[in-house]
Amino acid sequence: LQSWLENCSAQSVAPLDNKTQVHAVEDEIVTLSCRYEGRADNLQWYRQYPGSRPEFLLLKYPGAGGVVPADPPFPRLDATLHKDIVNLSISSAAVSDSALYYCALRPTETGNPATLYKNSLQ
């Protein structure tokens, strides 16, 4: 299992520690992380397989807010937020988890409405 984290041109969201590749062993926990700046209404994760459209995985609200999963949910996925870092955890990693992952931020009404970050896992 490989994870590729790619920067977009926006400065508001970026991979944590400029990590560009993550390797994992099957059945272990894989964590993808991105750091964001500014205020956000929510942070979202998407996954895209080659030749397919991105699919929504889950949404995390800052503060005491919870996680809103996709419908139907992906039970091995969870998101956590620590200060300015949002993590996507994949439990029991499998080869089928190899894909491009996107981390997106929805800014507050005073923020930039443009797409702010793309994150990938292959």
N, C-alpha and C. Protein backbone atom coordinates (compact mmCIF):
# COMPACT_ATOMS: atom_id res chain seq x y z
N LEU A 1 0.86 -1.18 0.00
CA LEU A 1 0.00 0.00 0.00
C LEU A 1 0.90 1.22 0.00
N GLN A 2 0.68 2.10 -0.95
CA GLN A 2 1.45 3.34 -1.03
C GLN A 2 0.52 4.52 -0.91
N SER A 3 1.00 5.56 -0.32
CA SER A 3 0.24 6.80 -0.22
C SER A 3 1.05 7.94 -0.80
N TRP A 4 0.45 8.70 -1.68
CA TRP A 4 1.10 9.87 -2.28
C TRP A 4 0.33 11.10 -1.83
N LEU A 5 1.03 12.07 -1.29
CA LEU A 5 0.41 13.31 -0.86
C LEU A 5 0.91 14.41 -1.76
N GLU A 6 0.01 15.08 -2.45
CA GLU A 6 0.39 16.10 -3.41
C GLU A 6 -0.11 17.46 -2.97
N ASN A 7 0.73 18.47 -3.11
CA ASN A 7 0.33 19.84 -2.83
C ASN A 7 -0.49 20.40 -3.97
N CYS A 8 -1.43 21.23 -3.65
CA CYS A 8 -2.10 22.05 -4.64
C CYS A 8 -1.49 23.44 -4.53
N SER A 9 -1.94 24.33 -5.39
CA SER A 9 -1.37 25.67 -5.37
C SER A 9 -1.81 26.48 -4.16
N ALA A 10 -2.90 26.10 -3.53
CA ALA A 10 -3.38 26.85 -2.37
C ALA A 10 -2.44 26.68 -1.18
N GLN A 11 -2.32 27.71 -0.37
CA GLN A 11 -1.46 27.66 0.81
C GLN A 11 -2.25 27.30 2.06
N SER A 12 -3.55 27.19 1.97
CA SER A 12 -4.37 26.98 3.16
C SER A 12 -4.39 25.53 3.64
N VAL A 13 -4.10 24.56 2.78
CA VAL A 13 -4.11 23.16 3.15
C VAL A 13 -2.91 22.49 2.50
N ALA A 14 -2.19 21.68 3.26
CA ALA A 14 -1.00 21.02 2.72
C ALA A 14 -0.73 19.72 3.47
N PRO A 15 -0.01 18.78 2.84
CA PRO A 15 0.35 17.55 3.54
C PRO A 15 1.20 17.86 4.77
N LEU A 16 1.05 17.08 5.79
CA LEU A 16 1.81 17.27 7.02
C LEU A 16 3.27 16.91 6.80
N ASP A 17 4.17 17.77 7.23
CA ASP A 17 5.62 17.55 7.14
C ASP A 17 6.10 17.30 5.72
N ASN A 18 5.40 17.80 4.72
CA ASN A 18 5.77 17.60 3.32
C ASN A 18 5.97 16.13 2.98
N LYS A 19 5.27 15.26 3.65
CA LYS A 19 5.37 13.83 3.41
C LYS A 19 4.72 13.53 2.06
N THR A 20 5.49 12.94 1.15
CA THR A 20 4.97 12.70 -0.19
C THR A 20 4.65 11.24 -0.45
N GLN A 21 5.08 10.35 0.42
CA GLN A 21 4.83 8.94 0.19
C GLN A 21 4.70 8.22 1.53
N VAL A 22 3.69 7.35 1.62
CA VAL A 22 3.48 6.57 2.83
C VAL A 22 3.34 5.11 2.42
N HIS A 23 4.06 4.24 3.08
CA HIS A 23 3.94 2.81 2.84
C HIS A 23 3.28 2.17 4.06
N ALA A 24 2.50 1.14 3.81
CA ALA A 24 1.84 0.46 4.92
C ALA A 24 1.81 -1.03 4.65
N VAL A 25 1.65 -1.77 5.72
CA VAL A 25 1.50 -3.22 5.65
C VAL A 25 0.02 -3.53 5.77
N GLU A 26 -0.43 -4.54 5.03
CA GLU A 26 -1.84 -4.92 5.11
C GLU A 26 -2.24 -5.21 6.56
N ASP A 27 -3.47 -4.87 6.88
CA ASP A 27 -4.08 -5.06 8.20
C ASP A 27 -3.58 -4.09 9.26
N GLU A 28 -2.69 -3.17 8.91
CA GLU A 28 -2.26 -2.15 9.86
C GLU A 28 -3.09 -0.89 9.67
N ILE A 29 -2.94 0.07 10.58
CA ILE A 29 -3.63 1.35 10.47
C ILE A 29 -2.77 2.31 9.66
N VAL A 30 -3.38 2.97 8.69
CA VAL A 30 -2.71 3.98 7.87
C VAL A 30 -3.33 5.32 8.22
N THR A 31 -2.50 6.33 8.43
CA THR A 31 -3.01 7.67 8.72
C THR A 31 -2.47 8.65 7.70
N LEU A 32 -3.38 9.36 7.02
CA LEU A 32 -3.04 10.44 6.11
C LEU A 32 -3.36 11.74 6.83
N SER A 33 -2.48 12.71 6.73
CA SER A 33 -2.66 13.95 7.47
C SER A 33 -2.46 15.16 6.59
N CYS A 34 -3.21 16.21 6.87
CA CYS A 34 -2.95 17.49 6.21
C CYS A 34 -3.13 18.60 7.24
N ARG A 35 -2.38 19.65 7.03
CA ARG A 35 -2.41 20.82 7.90
C ARG A 35 -3.17 21.92 7.17
N TYR A 36 -3.99 22.67 7.91
CA TYR A 36 -4.71 23.78 7.30
C TYR A 36 -4.49 25.05 8.08
N GLU A 37 -4.68 26.16 7.41
CA GLU A 37 -4.56 27.48 8.03
C GLU A 37 -5.90 28.18 7.94
N GLY A 38 -6.17 29.04 8.91
CA GLY A 38 -7.40 29.80 8.88
C GLY A 38 -8.54 29.05 9.54
N ARG A 39 -9.75 29.56 9.32
CA ARG A 39 -10.95 28.99 9.91
C ARG A 39 -11.69 28.18 8.87
N ALA A 40 -12.26 27.08 9.31
CA ALA A 40 -12.98 26.21 8.39
C ALA A 40 -14.32 25.81 9.00
N ASP A 41 -15.34 25.73 8.14
CA ASP A 41 -16.63 25.19 8.58
C ASP A 41 -16.50 23.69 8.78
N ASN A 42 -15.79 23.03 7.85
CA ASN A 42 -15.57 21.59 7.96
C ASN A 42 -14.41 21.18 7.08
N LEU A 43 -13.93 19.97 7.31
CA LEU A 43 -12.85 19.38 6.52
C LEU A 43 -13.36 18.06 5.97
N GLN A 44 -13.07 17.79 4.72
CA GLN A 44 -13.63 16.63 4.04
C GLN A 44 -12.53 15.76 3.44
N TRP A 45 -12.82 14.48 3.35
CA TRP A 45 -11.92 13.54 2.68
C TRP A 45 -12.67 12.85 1.55
N TYR A 46 -11.97 12.68 0.43
CA TYR A 46 -12.49 12.01 -0.75
C TYR A 46 -11.46 10.99 -1.22
N ARG A 47 -11.93 9.99 -1.97
CA ARG A 47 -11.04 8.98 -2.54
C ARG A 47 -11.37 8.85 -4.03
N GLN A 48 -10.33 8.66 -4.83
CA GLN A 48 -10.52 8.49 -6.27
C GLN A 48 -9.67 7.32 -6.77
N TYR A 49 -10.35 6.35 -7.38
CA TYR A 49 -9.66 5.24 -8.02
C TYR A 49 -9.36 5.63 -9.47
N PRO A 50 -8.32 5.05 -10.06
CA PRO A 50 -7.98 5.40 -11.45
C PRO A 50 -9.18 5.22 -12.38
N GLY A 51 -9.42 6.21 -13.22
CA GLY A 51 -10.52 6.16 -14.18
C GLY A 51 -11.89 6.42 -13.60
N SER A 52 -11.97 6.75 -12.32
CA SER A 52 -13.25 7.00 -11.66
C SER A 52 -13.31 8.41 -11.10
N ARG A 53 -14.53 8.84 -10.77
CA ARG A 53 -14.70 10.15 -10.13
C ARG A 53 -14.37 10.05 -8.65
N PRO A 54 -13.99 11.17 -8.03
CA PRO A 54 -13.77 11.13 -6.58
C PRO A 54 -15.07 10.79 -5.85
N GLU A 55 -14.95 10.03 -4.76
CA GLU A 55 -16.11 9.70 -3.95
C GLU A 55 -15.92 10.27 -2.54
N PHE A 56 -16.99 10.80 -2.01
CA PHE A 56 -16.97 11.38 -0.67
C PHE A 56 -16.81 10.28 0.36
N LEU A 57 -15.89 10.47 1.31
CA LEU A 57 -15.66 9.49 2.37
C LEU A 57 -16.26 9.92 3.70
N LEU A 58 -15.90 11.13 4.13
CA LEU A 58 -16.42 11.64 5.40
C LEU A 58 -16.11 13.12 5.55
N LEU A 59 -16.76 13.71 6.53
CA LEU A 59 -16.61 15.14 6.81
C LEU A 59 -16.37 15.28 8.31
N LYS A 60 -15.43 16.15 8.68
CA LYS A 60 -15.11 16.38 10.09
C LYS A 60 -15.34 17.84 10.42
N TYR A 61 -16.12 18.09 11.48
CA TYR A 61 -16.34 19.45 11.95
C TYR A 61 -15.27 19.82 12.98
N PRO A 62 -14.75 21.05 12.93
CA PRO A 62 -13.78 21.49 13.94
C PRO A 62 -14.40 21.55 15.33
N GLY A 63 -13.56 21.68 16.33
CA GLY A 63 -14.04 21.78 17.70
C GLY A 63 -14.64 20.47 18.18
N ALA A 64 -15.74 20.57 18.89
CA ALA A 64 -16.38 19.38 19.44
C ALA A 64 -17.25 18.67 18.42
N GLY A 65 -17.30 19.20 17.20
CA GLY A 65 -18.12 18.58 16.16
C GLY A 65 -17.67 17.17 15.84
N GLY A 66 -18.58 16.38 15.36
CA GLY A 66 -18.28 14.99 15.07
C GLY A 66 -17.91 14.74 13.63
N VAL A 67 -17.94 13.48 13.28
CA VAL A 67 -17.64 13.02 11.92
C VAL A 67 -18.95 12.65 11.25
N VAL A 68 -19.15 13.13 10.03
CA VAL A 68 -20.32 12.77 9.24
C VAL A 68 -19.84 11.83 8.14
N PRO A 69 -20.23 10.55 8.20
CA PRO A 69 -19.76 9.60 7.20
C PRO A 69 -20.56 9.69 5.91
N ALA A 70 -20.02 9.05 4.88
CA ALA A 70 -20.73 8.94 3.61
C ALA A 70 -21.95 8.04 3.83
N ASP A 71 -22.83 8.00 2.86
CA ASP A 71 -24.01 7.14 2.92
C ASP A 71 -24.03 6.28 1.66
N PRO A 72 -23.71 5.00 1.76
CA PRO A 72 -23.40 4.24 2.96
C PRO A 72 -22.01 4.58 3.48
N PRO A 73 -21.77 4.36 4.78
CA PRO A 73 -20.47 4.71 5.37
C PRO A 73 -19.38 3.70 5.02
N PHE A 74 -18.15 4.13 5.19
CA PHE A 74 -16.99 3.27 5.04
C PHE A 74 -16.51 2.97 6.47
N PRO A 75 -16.85 1.80 7.02
CA PRO A 75 -16.63 1.55 8.45
C PRO A 75 -15.17 1.54 8.90
N ARG A 76 -14.22 1.35 8.03
CA ARG A 76 -12.81 1.32 8.44
C ARG A 76 -12.17 2.70 8.44
N LEU A 77 -12.93 3.74 8.12
CA LEU A 77 -12.39 5.09 8.04
C LEU A 77 -12.85 5.95 9.21
N ASP A 78 -11.94 6.81 9.67
CA ASP A 78 -12.29 7.76 10.72
C ASP A 78 -11.43 9.01 10.54
N ALA A 79 -11.91 10.13 11.04
CA ALA A 79 -11.16 11.38 10.96
C ALA A 79 -11.02 11.97 12.35
N THR A 80 -9.86 12.55 12.60
CA THR A 80 -9.62 13.26 13.85
C THR A 80 -9.01 14.61 13.52
N LEU A 81 -9.17 15.53 14.44
CA LEU A 81 -8.67 16.89 14.25
C LEU A 81 -7.88 17.28 15.49
N HIS A 82 -6.64 17.70 15.30
CA HIS A 82 -5.78 18.15 16.38
C HIS A 82 -5.23 19.51 16.00
N LYS A 83 -5.77 20.55 16.62
CA LYS A 83 -5.40 21.93 16.31
C LYS A 83 -5.59 22.20 14.83
N ASP A 84 -4.51 22.32 14.05
CA ASP A 84 -4.63 22.64 12.63
C ASP A 84 -4.30 21.46 11.73
N ILE A 85 -4.43 20.25 12.26
CA ILE A 85 -4.13 19.04 11.49
C ILE A 85 -5.36 18.14 11.47
N VAL A 86 -5.75 17.69 10.28
CA VAL A 86 -6.85 16.75 10.14
C VAL A 86 -6.27 15.43 9.63
N ASN A 87 -6.63 14.34 10.31
CA ASN A 87 -6.12 13.01 9.98
C ASN A 87 -7.23 12.13 9.45
N LEU A 88 -6.91 11.34 8.46
CA LEU A 88 -7.79 10.27 7.99
C LEU A 88 -7.13 8.97 8.37
N SER A 89 -7.80 8.15 9.18
CA SER A 89 -7.27 6.86 9.59
C SER A 89 -8.01 5.76 8.85
N ILE A 90 -7.23 4.84 8.28
CA ILE A 90 -7.77 3.68 7.59
C ILE A 90 -7.35 2.47 8.41
N SER A 91 -8.31 1.81 9.04
CA SER A 91 -7.97 0.63 9.85
C SER A 91 -7.92 -0.60 8.95
N SER A 92 -7.14 -1.58 9.34
CA SER A 92 -6.98 -2.82 8.58
C SER A 92 -6.73 -2.53 7.11
N ALA A 93 -5.65 -1.83 6.83
CA ALA A 93 -5.32 -1.44 5.45
C ALA A 93 -5.32 -2.65 4.52
N ALA A 94 -5.82 -2.42 3.32
CA ALA A 94 -5.89 -3.46 2.30
C ALA A 94 -5.39 -2.89 0.98
N VAL A 95 -5.00 -3.78 0.08
CA VAL A 95 -4.56 -3.34 -1.24
C VAL A 95 -5.65 -2.51 -1.91
N SER A 96 -6.90 -2.84 -1.66
CA SER A 96 -8.02 -2.10 -2.27
C SER A 96 -8.11 -0.66 -1.78
N ASP A 97 -7.36 -0.30 -0.75
CA ASP A 97 -7.34 1.09 -0.28
C ASP A 97 -6.41 1.96 -1.11
N SER A 98 -5.64 1.35 -1.99
CA SER A 98 -4.72 2.12 -2.84
C SER A 98 -5.53 2.97 -3.80
N ALA A 99 -5.42 4.28 -3.66
CA ALA A 99 -6.19 5.23 -4.47
C ALA A 99 -5.62 6.62 -4.23
N LEU A 100 -6.20 7.58 -4.91
CA LEU A 100 -5.86 8.99 -4.72
C LEU A 100 -6.82 9.54 -3.67
N TYR A 101 -6.30 10.13 -2.60
CA TYR A 101 -7.13 10.69 -1.54
C TYR A 101 -7.02 12.21 -1.55
N TYR A 102 -8.16 12.86 -1.34
CA TYR A 102 -8.22 14.32 -1.33
C TYR A 102 -8.66 14.80 0.04
N CYS A 103 -7.99 15.80 0.53
CA CYS A 103 -8.40 16.50 1.74
C CYS A 103 -8.90 17.86 1.29
N ALA A 104 -10.12 18.21 1.65
CA ALA A 104 -10.70 19.49 1.22
C ALA A 104 -11.17 20.26 2.45
N LEU A 105 -11.10 21.56 2.36
CA LEU A 105 -11.50 22.44 3.45
C LEU A 105 -12.62 23.33 2.95
N ARG A 106 -13.69 23.43 3.75
CA ARG A 106 -14.75 24.38 3.43
C ARG A 106 -14.54 25.59 4.33
N PRO A 107 -14.11 26.71 3.74
CA PRO A 107 -13.83 27.88 4.58
C PRO A 107 -15.10 28.51 5.12
N THR A 108 -14.94 29.32 6.15
CA THR A 108 -16.06 30.10 6.67
C THR A 108 -16.46 31.13 5.62
N GLU A 109 -17.54 31.84 5.87
CA GLU A 109 -18.03 32.81 4.88
C GLU A 109 -17.01 33.89 4.55
N THR A 110 -16.04 34.10 5.41
CA THR A 110 -15.02 35.11 5.14
C THR A 110 -13.81 34.53 4.42
N GLY A 111 -13.81 33.20 4.24
CA GLY A 111 -12.67 32.56 3.60
C GLY A 111 -12.79 32.50 2.10
N ASN A 112 -11.80 31.91 1.49
CA ASN A 112 -11.75 31.74 0.04
C ASN A 112 -12.62 30.54 -0.34
N PRO A 113 -13.62 30.69 -1.21
CA PRO A 113 -14.49 29.59 -1.57
C PRO A 113 -13.87 28.60 -2.54
N ALA A 114 -12.66 28.85 -3.01
CA ALA A 114 -12.02 27.95 -3.98
C ALA A 114 -11.61 26.64 -3.31
N THR A 115 -11.46 25.59 -4.13
CA THR A 115 -10.95 24.33 -3.61
C THR A 115 -9.55 24.56 -3.08
N LEU A 116 -9.27 24.06 -1.87
CA LEU A 116 -8.03 24.42 -1.22
C LEU A 116 -6.97 23.33 -1.16
N TYR A 117 -7.32 22.06 -1.28
CA TYR A 117 -6.29 21.04 -1.13
C TYR A 117 -6.65 19.74 -1.81
N LYS A 118 -5.66 19.10 -2.35
CA LYS A 118 -5.80 17.77 -2.92
C LYS A 118 -4.80 16.86 -2.25
N ASN A 119 -5.20 15.66 -1.87
CA ASN A 119 -4.34 14.71 -1.17
C ASN A 119 -4.53 13.35 -1.81
N SER A 120 -3.47 12.58 -1.99
CA SER A 120 -3.63 11.31 -2.68
C SER A 120 -3.02 10.13 -1.96
N LEU A 121 -3.56 8.94 -2.23
CA LEU A 121 -3.05 7.67 -1.71
C LEU A 121 -3.06 6.66 -2.84
N GLN A 122 -1.90 6.12 -3.17
CA GLN A 122 -1.82 5.09 -4.21
C GLN A 122 -0.94 3.97 -3.74
